[in-house]
Amino acid sequence: VLYTTAFAFKAPISTTHTITSAIMGAGATQRFNAVRWGVAGNIVAGWVLTFPAAGLAAAASYEVLRVLFGV
């Protein structure tokens, strides 16, 4: 499902996404409470926030270099 969804939206996914999703899915099939959903929520938040944070870091770096070196 992860690859199908990623392909449909043309979204890049990493092996970390795949492995973590598989581990959570395997835990959920055994027992729904076997998954630490708080930790899973933190992982998902990290995935969602990484891309915008990287963009902000790149923009800040660009501005610093532009001011320092007149790029």
PDB file of N, CA and C in Angstrom:
ATOM      1  N   VAL A   1       0.831  -1.187   0.000  1.00  0.00           N
ATOM      2  CA  VAL A   1       0.000   0.000   0.000  1.00  0.00           C
ATOM      3  C   VAL A   1       0.876   1.252   0.000  1.00  0.00           C
ATOM      4  N   LEU A   2       1.972   1.212   0.760  1.00  0.00           N
ATOM      5  CA  LEU A   2       2.850   2.372   0.850  1.00  0.00           C
ATOM      6  C   LEU A   2       3.426   2.722  -0.513  1.00  0.00           C
ATOM      7  N   TYR A   3       3.922   1.714  -1.237  1.00  0.00           N
ATOM      8  CA  TYR A   3       4.502   1.987  -2.546  1.00  0.00           C
ATOM      9  C   TYR A   3       3.444   2.420  -3.547  1.00  0.00           C
ATOM     10  N   THR A   4       2.282   1.826  -3.499  1.00  0.00           N
ATOM     11  CA  THR A   4       1.210   2.204  -4.414  1.00  0.00           C
ATOM     12  C   THR A   4       0.789   3.642  -4.184  1.00  0.00           C
ATOM     13  N   THR A   5       0.617   4.024  -2.948  1.00  0.00           N
ATOM     14  CA  THR A   5       0.232   5.396  -2.629  1.00  0.00           C
ATOM     15  C   THR A   5       1.330   6.370  -3.027  1.00  0.00           C
ATOM     16  N   ALA A   6       2.569   6.032  -2.723  1.00  0.00           N
ATOM     17  CA  ALA A   6       3.691   6.903  -3.079  1.00  0.00           C
ATOM     18  C   ALA A   6       3.794   7.051  -4.587  1.00  0.00           C
ATOM     19  N   PHE A   7       3.583   5.962  -5.321  1.00  0.00           N
ATOM     20  CA  PHE A   7       3.636   6.026  -6.776  1.00  0.00           C
ATOM     21  C   PHE A   7       2.513   6.897  -7.324  1.00  0.00           C
ATOM     22  N   ALA A   8       1.326   6.770  -6.781  1.00  0.00           N
ATOM     23  CA  ALA A   8       0.182   7.546  -7.266  1.00  0.00           C
ATOM     24  C   ALA A   8       0.397   9.043  -7.068  1.00  0.00           C
ATOM     25  N   PHE A   9       1.028   9.423  -5.956  1.00  0.00           N
ATOM     26  CA  PHE A   9       1.260  10.842  -5.670  1.00  0.00           C
ATOM     27  C   PHE A   9       2.651  11.310  -6.098  1.00  0.00           C
ATOM     28  N   LYS A  10       3.413  10.395  -6.732  1.00  0.00           N
ATOM     29  CA  LYS A  10       4.785  10.683  -7.150  1.00  0.00           C
ATOM     30  C   LYS A  10       5.625  11.197  -5.985  1.00  0.00           C
ATOM     31  N   ALA A  11       5.474  10.558  -4.845  1.00  0.00           N
ATOM     32  CA  ALA A  11       6.172  10.959  -3.627  1.00  0.00           C
ATOM     33  C   ALA A  11       7.356  10.027  -3.380  1.00  0.00           C
ATOM     34  N   PRO A  12       8.495  10.596  -3.028  1.00  0.00           N
ATOM     35  CA  PRO A  12       9.639   9.734  -2.711  1.00  0.00           C
ATOM     36  C   PRO A  12       9.467   9.104  -1.333  1.00  0.00           C
ATOM     37  N   ILE A  13       9.858   7.854  -1.197  1.00  0.00           N
ATOM     38  CA  ILE A  13       9.850   7.205   0.109  1.00  0.00           C
ATOM     39  C   ILE A  13      11.207   6.547   0.308  1.00  0.00           C
ATOM     40  N   SER A  14      11.585   6.396   1.531  1.00  0.00           N
ATOM     41  CA  SER A  14      12.879   5.792   1.834  1.00  0.00           C
ATOM     42  C   SER A  14      12.671   4.400   2.412  1.00  0.00           C
ATOM     43  N   THR A  15      13.784   3.703   2.562  1.00  0.00           N
ATOM     44  CA  THR A  15      13.699   2.389   3.195  1.00  0.00           C
ATOM     45  C   THR A  15      13.254   2.532   4.644  1.00  0.00           C
ATOM     46  N   THR A  16      13.579   3.669   5.267  1.00  0.00           N
ATOM     47  CA  THR A  16      13.145   3.901   6.647  1.00  0.00           C
ATOM     48  C   THR A  16      11.622   3.936   6.722  1.00  0.00           C
ATOM     49  N   HIS A  17      10.974   4.609   5.769  1.00  0.00           N
ATOM     50  CA  HIS A  17       9.513   4.631   5.725  1.00  0.00           C
ATOM     51  C   HIS A  17       8.970   3.205   5.622  1.00  0.00           C
ATOM     52  N   THR A  18       9.534   2.437   4.717  1.00  0.00           N
ATOM     53  CA  THR A  18       9.042   1.088   4.459  1.00  0.00           C
ATOM     54  C   THR A  18       9.235   0.178   5.668  1.00  0.00           C
ATOM     55  N   ILE A  19      10.419   0.191   6.241  1.00  0.00           N
ATOM     56  CA  ILE A  19      10.715  -0.693   7.370  1.00  0.00           C
ATOM     57  C   ILE A  19       9.864  -0.335   8.581  1.00  0.00           C
ATOM     58  N   THR A  20       9.778   0.960   8.881  1.00  0.00           N
ATOM     59  CA  THR A  20       8.994   1.382  10.043  1.00  0.00           C
ATOM     60  C   THR A  20       7.524   1.033   9.870  1.00  0.00           C
ATOM     61  N   SER A  21       7.001   1.258   8.679  1.00  0.00           N
ATOM     62  CA  SER A  21       5.598   0.910   8.414  1.00  0.00           C
ATOM     63  C   SER A  21       5.370  -0.589   8.545  1.00  0.00           C
ATOM     64  N   ALA A  22       6.320  -1.382   8.068  1.00  0.00           N
ATOM     65  CA  ALA A  22       6.192  -2.835   8.169  1.00  0.00           C
ATOM     66  C   ALA A  22       6.216  -3.295   9.619  1.00  0.00           C
ATOM     67  N   ILE A  23       7.096  -2.713  10.417  1.00  0.00           N
ATOM     68  CA  ILE A  23       7.176  -3.093  11.829  1.00  0.00           C
ATOM     69  C   ILE A  23       5.893  -2.730  12.561  1.00  0.00           C
ATOM     70  N   MET A  24       5.372  -1.521  12.311  1.00  0.00           N
ATOM     71  CA  MET A  24       4.111  -1.127  12.963  1.00  0.00           C
ATOM     72  C   MET A  24       2.968  -2.020  12.509  1.00  0.00           C
ATOM     73  N   GLY A  25       2.947  -2.354  11.223  1.00  0.00           N
ATOM     74  CA  GLY A  25       1.887  -3.226  10.709  1.00  0.00           C
ATOM     75  C   GLY A  25       1.951  -4.623  11.310  1.00  0.00           C
ATOM     76  N   ALA A  26       3.166  -5.150  11.427  1.00  0.00           N
ATOM     77  CA  ALA A  26       3.322  -6.481  12.025  1.00  0.00           C
ATOM     78  C   ALA A  26       2.895  -6.472  13.482  1.00  0.00           C
ATOM     79  N   GLY A  27       3.245  -5.425  14.198  1.00  0.00           N
ATOM     80  CA  GLY A  27       2.825  -5.324  15.603  1.00  0.00           C
ATOM     81  C   GLY A  27       1.321  -5.204  15.730  1.00  0.00           C
ATOM     82  N   ALA A  28       0.710  -4.443  14.821  1.00  0.00           N
ATOM     83  CA  ALA A  28      -0.737  -4.238  14.879  1.00  0.00           C
ATOM     84  C   ALA A  28      -1.500  -5.520  14.555  1.00  0.00           C
ATOM     85  N   THR A  29      -0.916  -6.406  13.744  1.00  0.00           N
ATOM     86  CA  THR A  29      -1.619  -7.655  13.442  1.00  0.00           C
ATOM     87  C   THR A  29      -1.603  -8.607  14.630  1.00  0.00           C
ATOM     88  N   GLN A  30      -0.560  -8.535  15.440  1.00  0.00           N
ATOM     89  CA  GLN A  30      -0.487  -9.382  16.628  1.00  0.00           C
ATOM     90  C   GLN A  30      -1.494  -8.925  17.677  1.00  0.00           C
ATOM     91  N   ARG A  31      -1.407  -7.660  17.967  1.00  0.00           N
ATOM     92  CA  ARG A  31      -2.272  -7.065  18.971  1.00  0.00           C
ATOM     93  C   ARG A  31      -2.205  -5.571  18.746  1.00  0.00           C
ATOM     94  N   PHE A  32      -3.338  -4.914  18.663  1.00  0.00           N
ATOM     95  CA  PHE A  32      -3.349  -3.478  18.365  1.00  0.00           C
ATOM     96  C   PHE A  32      -2.566  -2.692  19.411  1.00  0.00           C
ATOM     97  N   ASN A  33      -2.625  -3.132  20.653  1.00  0.00           N
ATOM     98  CA  ASN A  33      -1.907  -2.434  21.720  1.00  0.00           C
ATOM     99  C   ASN A  33      -0.415  -2.745  21.733  1.00  0.00           C
ATOM    100  N   ALA A  34       0.044  -3.670  20.871  1.00  0.00           N
ATOM    101  CA  ALA A  34       1.460  -4.012  20.826  1.00  0.00           C
ATOM    102  C   ALA A  34       2.287  -2.883  20.211  1.00  0.00           C
ATOM    103  N   VAL A  35       1.644  -2.011  19.479  1.00  0.00           N
ATOM    104  CA  VAL A  35       2.337  -0.882  18.847  1.00  0.00           C
ATOM    105  C   VAL A  35       2.320   0.297  19.807  1.00  0.00           C
ATOM    106  N   ARG A  36       3.440   0.923  19.980  1.00  0.00           N
ATOM    107  CA  ARG A  36       3.505   2.149  20.785  1.00  0.00           C
ATOM    108  C   ARG A  36       3.072   3.300  19.881  1.00  0.00           C
ATOM    109  N   TRP A  37       1.798   3.632  19.946  1.00  0.00           N
ATOM    110  CA  TRP A  37       1.237   4.605  19.015  1.00  0.00           C
ATOM    111  C   TRP A  37       1.769   6.015  19.245  1.00  0.00           C
ATOM    112  N   GLY A  38       2.204   6.308  20.463  1.00  0.00           N
ATOM    113  CA  GLY A  38       2.822   7.610  20.713  1.00  0.00           C
ATOM    114  C   GLY A  38       4.139   7.745  19.954  1.00  0.00           C
ATOM    115  N   VAL A  39       4.935   6.669  19.972  1.00  0.00           N
ATOM    116  CA  VAL A  39       6.194   6.663  19.233  1.00  0.00           C
ATOM    117  C   VAL A  39       5.906   6.723  17.734  1.00  0.00           C
ATOM    118  N   ALA A  40       4.909   5.975  17.288  1.00  0.00           N
ATOM    119  CA  ALA A  40       4.544   6.001  15.869  1.00  0.00           C
ATOM    120  C   ALA A  40       4.127   7.409  15.446  1.00  0.00           C
ATOM    121  N   GLY A  41       3.390   8.094  16.297  1.00  0.00           N
ATOM    122  CA  GLY A  41       2.985   9.470  15.996  1.00  0.00           C
ATOM    123  C   GLY A  41       4.185  10.398  15.887  1.00  0.00           C
ATOM    124  N   ASN A  42       5.168  10.213  16.765  1.00  0.00           N
ATOM    125  CA  ASN A  42       6.390  11.017  16.682  1.00  0.00           C
ATOM    126  C   ASN A  42       7.147  10.752  15.385  1.00  0.00           C
ATOM    127  N   ILE A  43       7.191   9.510  14.957  1.00  0.00           N
ATOM    128  CA  ILE A  43       7.863   9.156  13.710  1.00  0.00           C
ATOM    129  C   ILE A  43       7.167   9.817  12.534  1.00  0.00           C
ATOM    130  N   VAL A  44       5.850   9.735  12.496  1.00  0.00           N
ATOM    131  CA  VAL A  44       5.088  10.353  11.403  1.00  0.00           C
ATOM    132  C   VAL A  44       5.273  11.864  11.406  1.00  0.00           C
ATOM    133  N   ALA A  45       5.263  12.471  12.574  1.00  0.00           N
ATOM    134  CA  ALA A  45       5.489  13.917  12.658  1.00  0.00           C
ATOM    135  C   ALA A  45       6.873  14.273  12.126  1.00  0.00           C
ATOM    136  N   GLY A  46       7.854  13.450  12.444  1.00  0.00           N
ATOM    137  CA  GLY A  46       9.197  13.674  11.919  1.00  0.00           C
ATOM    138  C   GLY A  46       9.238  13.584  10.408  1.00  0.00           C
ATOM    139  N   TRP A  47       8.535  12.601   9.836  1.00  0.00           N
ATOM    140  CA  TRP A  47       8.491  12.474   8.383  1.00  0.00           C
ATOM    141  C   TRP A  47       7.852  13.701   7.743  1.00  0.00           C
ATOM    142  N   VAL A  48       6.774  14.155   8.334  1.00  0.00           N
ATOM    143  CA  VAL A  48       6.031  15.285   7.759  1.00  0.00           C
ATOM    144  C   VAL A  48       6.826  16.583   7.889  1.00  0.00           C
ATOM    145  N   LEU A  49       7.511  16.769   8.993  1.00  0.00           N
ATOM    146  CA  LEU A  49       8.207  18.032   9.237  1.00  0.00           C
ATOM    147  C   LEU A  49       9.598  18.104   8.609  1.00  0.00           C
ATOM    148  N   THR A  50      10.177  16.982   8.222  1.00  0.00           N
ATOM    149  CA  THR A  50      11.534  16.987   7.680  1.00  0.00           C
ATOM    150  C   THR A  50      11.648  17.807   6.405  1.00  0.00           C
ATOM    151  N   PHE A  51      10.743  17.631   5.482  1.00  0.00           N
ATOM    152  CA  PHE A  51      10.840  18.316   4.192  1.00  0.00           C
ATOM    153  C   PHE A  51      10.719  19.834   4.338  1.00  0.00           C
ATOM    154  N   PRO A  52       9.701  20.355   5.042  1.00  0.00           N
ATOM    155  CA  PRO A  52       9.647  21.808   5.216  1.00  0.00           C
ATOM    156  C   PRO A  52      10.824  22.365   6.013  1.00  0.00           C
ATOM    157  N   ALA A  53      11.290  21.619   7.004  1.00  0.00           N
ATOM    158  CA  ALA A  53      12.432  22.081   7.798  1.00  0.00           C
ATOM    159  C   ALA A  53      13.687  22.153   6.939  1.00  0.00           C
ATOM    160  N   ALA A  54      13.869  21.191   6.056  1.00  0.00           N
ATOM    161  CA  ALA A  54      15.022  21.216   5.150  1.00  0.00           C
ATOM    162  C   ALA A  54      14.927  22.413   4.204  1.00  0.00           C
ATOM    163  N   GLY A  55      13.728  22.717   3.745  1.00  0.00           N
ATOM    164  CA  GLY A  55      13.538  23.885   2.884  1.00  0.00           C
ATOM    165  C   GLY A  55      13.846  25.181   3.608  1.00  0.00           C
ATOM    166  N   LEU A  56      13.409  25.280   4.847  1.00  0.00           N
ATOM    167  CA  LEU A  56      13.700  26.485   5.632  1.00  0.00           C
ATOM    168  C   LEU A  56      15.199  26.625   5.910  1.00  0.00           C
ATOM    169  N   ALA A  57      15.860  25.523   6.184  1.00  0.00           N
ATOM    170  CA  ALA A  57      17.304  25.557   6.412  1.00  0.00           C
ATOM    171  C   ALA A  57      18.038  25.980   5.147  1.00  0.00           C
ATOM    172  N   ALA A  58      17.596  25.485   4.004  1.00  0.00           N
ATOM    173  CA  ALA A  58      18.215  25.875   2.736  1.00  0.00           C
ATOM    174  C   ALA A  58      17.990  27.360   2.453  1.00  0.00           C
ATOM    175  N   ALA A  59      16.789  27.855   2.701  1.00  0.00           N
ATOM    176  CA  ALA A  59      16.499  29.271   2.477  1.00  0.00           C
ATOM    177  C   ALA A  59      17.329  30.154   3.407  1.00  0.00           C
ATOM    178  N   ALA A  60      17.465  29.750   4.653  1.00  0.00           N
ATOM    179  CA  ALA A  60      18.273  30.521   5.599  1.00  0.00           C
ATOM    180  C   ALA A  60      19.737  30.522   5.182  1.00  0.00           C
ATOM    181  N   SER A  61      20.250  29.366   4.744  1.00  0.00           N
ATOM    182  CA  SER A  61      21.630  29.288   4.275  1.00  0.00           C
ATOM    183  C   SER A  61      21.839  30.180   3.056  1.00  0.00           C
ATOM    184  N   TYR A  62      20.905  30.161   2.154  1.00  0.00           N
ATOM    185  CA  TYR A  62      20.993  31.006   0.967  1.00  0.00           C
ATOM    186  C   TYR A  62      21.049  32.478   1.354  1.00  0.00           C
ATOM    187  N   GLU A  63      20.186  32.885   2.272  1.00  0.00           N
ATOM    188  CA  GLU A  63      20.154  34.294   2.687  1.00  0.00           C
ATOM    189  C   GLU A  63      21.468  34.706   3.363  1.00  0.00           C
ATOM    190  N   VAL A  64      22.017  33.826   4.210  1.00  0.00           N
ATOM    191  CA  VAL A  64      23.288  34.136   4.871  1.00  0.00           C
ATOM    192  C   VAL A  64      24.387  34.284   3.816  1.00  0.00           C
ATOM    193  N   LEU A  65      24.450  33.368   2.887  1.00  0.00           N
ATOM    194  CA  LEU A  65      25.472  33.443   1.843  1.00  0.00           C
ATOM    195  C   LEU A  65      25.262  34.659   0.950  1.00  0.00           C
ATOM    196  N   ARG A  66      24.026  34.995   0.674  1.00  0.00           N
ATOM    197  CA  ARG A  66      23.734  36.153  -0.174  1.00  0.00           C
ATOM    198  C   ARG A  66      24.198  37.438   0.499  1.00  0.00           C
ATOM    199  N   VAL A  67      23.941  37.549   1.808  1.00  0.00           N
ATOM    200  CA  VAL A  67      24.344  38.742   2.541  1.00  0.00           C
ATOM    201  C   VAL A  67      25.865  38.814   2.674  1.00  0.00           C
ATOM    202  N   LEU A  68      26.506  37.683   3.000  1.00  0.00           N
ATOM    203  CA  LEU A  68      27.942  37.678   3.216  1.00  0.00           C
ATOM    204  C   LEU A  68      28.758  37.858   1.931  1.00  0.00           C
ATOM    205  N   PHE A  69      28.313  37.206   0.868  1.00  0.00           N
ATOM    206  CA  PHE A  69      29.109  37.179  -0.354  1.00  0.00           C
ATOM    207  C   PHE A  69      28.454  37.877  -1.533  1.00  0.00           C
ATOM    208  N   GLY A  70      27.279  38.442  -1.340  1.00  0.00           N
ATOM    209  CA  GLY A  70      26.605  39.147  -2.419  1.00  0.00           C
ATOM    210  C   GLY A  70      26.214  38.265  -3.586  1.00  0.00           C
ATOM    211  N   VAL A  71      25.845  37.042  -3.284  1.00  0.00           N
ATOM    212  CA  VAL A  71      25.460  36.091  -4.333  1.00  0.00           C
ATOM    213  C   VAL A  71      24.138  36.481  -4.931  1.00  0.00           C
TER     214      VAL A  71
END
